[in-house]
Amino acid sequence: MVTWTQVLARRLARHRLTEPGRNIVEVVSEMCGAHAQVLSAAEHSVGLRLESVTRTDVQQALGETGDLVKSFGARGTVHLLAARDLPMWTGALGAIPSSPAPAGMRLTPGQTEEVVAAIGASLLDKPLTADELSDQVIARCGSWAADPVVPAFQGFWPRWRQLIPVAAGRGVLCFGPTKGRTVTYTNPQVEPQDSEVALAELLCRYLHAYGPATPQNFAQWMAAPRAWAVALFASLGDRLEQIEIEDGTAWVVAGDTEFPLMAPGGLLLLPYFDAYTVGSHPRDRVFPGPAADRALAGGQAGNYPVLTIGGTVSGVWHLRRSGKKLAVTVESLVVLDRPQLDELDDQVTRLGQILEGTPSLTLAPVTVGPHA
């Protein structure tokens, strides 16, 4: 029987948090994407898993070399993905069941195909902002695509915009280089992998990084129906294996049953929406006791940057940047001994290296609320 201590130790290693990875592409692929709604957090998340990598290195992989792509990943949220994995991601995401749009927003199958084709064609020549793309799509499809029916932050977006994630899942849209602070989109011209093959591959990668896990865990990670996830697990047959953990059973890839004998060690400062905390279940093992009240937002992981000790959340922290100055405030939920304080200093120093700034550390309550 495997203990949860062993599970957390294995996850830390496979997320390259205790055993650094070899390169940016490998790390992003192994962690099944780095959440990038907050790009600086993604840069920290990736850099933390490698030696000597900085935010500039991550930005170059995303821009100059094209080794990374900013697109939609797990839960349909913005991620940095390895470019080589985009056929798998598009094939998998395009096959996940979705709820129908409200009646007033719906498009016919024909309209859906027309909009997706228009998006892909519009983005072939150069990256476009959302407004530029909107003009192109409406010009190609007609006035019905402009109907303001999609609820947005301060009003309504045109009808066609609900299909941006669908276009990404078809391999004809991803994020392009920003224009100042304005987001752009481009066409990666990717052929999605066969959905059955893609889903099987993604599930096996998920179990490698986050396992042992249940279909319910995978469904939550992907924001997919539980019954669908149960059926997907069953469809892989003997490619998966069920093992006993101290308080139940969960799944791993068949034969992947080795676990560390040593308890997980180390203190880490993980950024907003780090893959380890967002994807690790059950929550009460990763966010024990007071950590659940302090570091989860309505049960949602990732909305606070967290301090972890031995793979469990033991506090929260906040970064305030002013030019090159990085003011780091850490609120620990446990008393830190001298070796742990030294590790914390090392983590703050590494944060400064990754984000290319000069850090300072304050131990005090964090008064900033959760990220939306």
Foldseek 3Di string as FASTA:
>chain_A
DAEVLLLLQQLCVQCLQPPADDDQQVNCVLLQFWFPPPPLLSLLLSLNNHPLAASVNVVCCDPVVVQWFFFAAFQRGTTIHGPVCQLLRLLAVLPFDDDADPPVLDDDPVLLVLQLVQLLVQQAPHWDFPVRSQVSSCVRRHDQQQCFDDDDDPGGGGSSVVCQSVSSSQQRWGWDDADVPTTIIHRPPDHHDNNLVSNVVSVQSLQSNADQAALVLVCQRRVGDSVVSNVSVVVVPLQKDWDDYPVGIGIHGPPPPDTDPDGAFAKAFRAAPNSLQQRYDDNCSQQPDCSCVAQADVNGHRQFTFIDGSRHTFWTKDWDDDPQETEIETEGNDDDDPVRVVRVVVNQVSSSSRHVHDYDYDYDDDPDDTHD
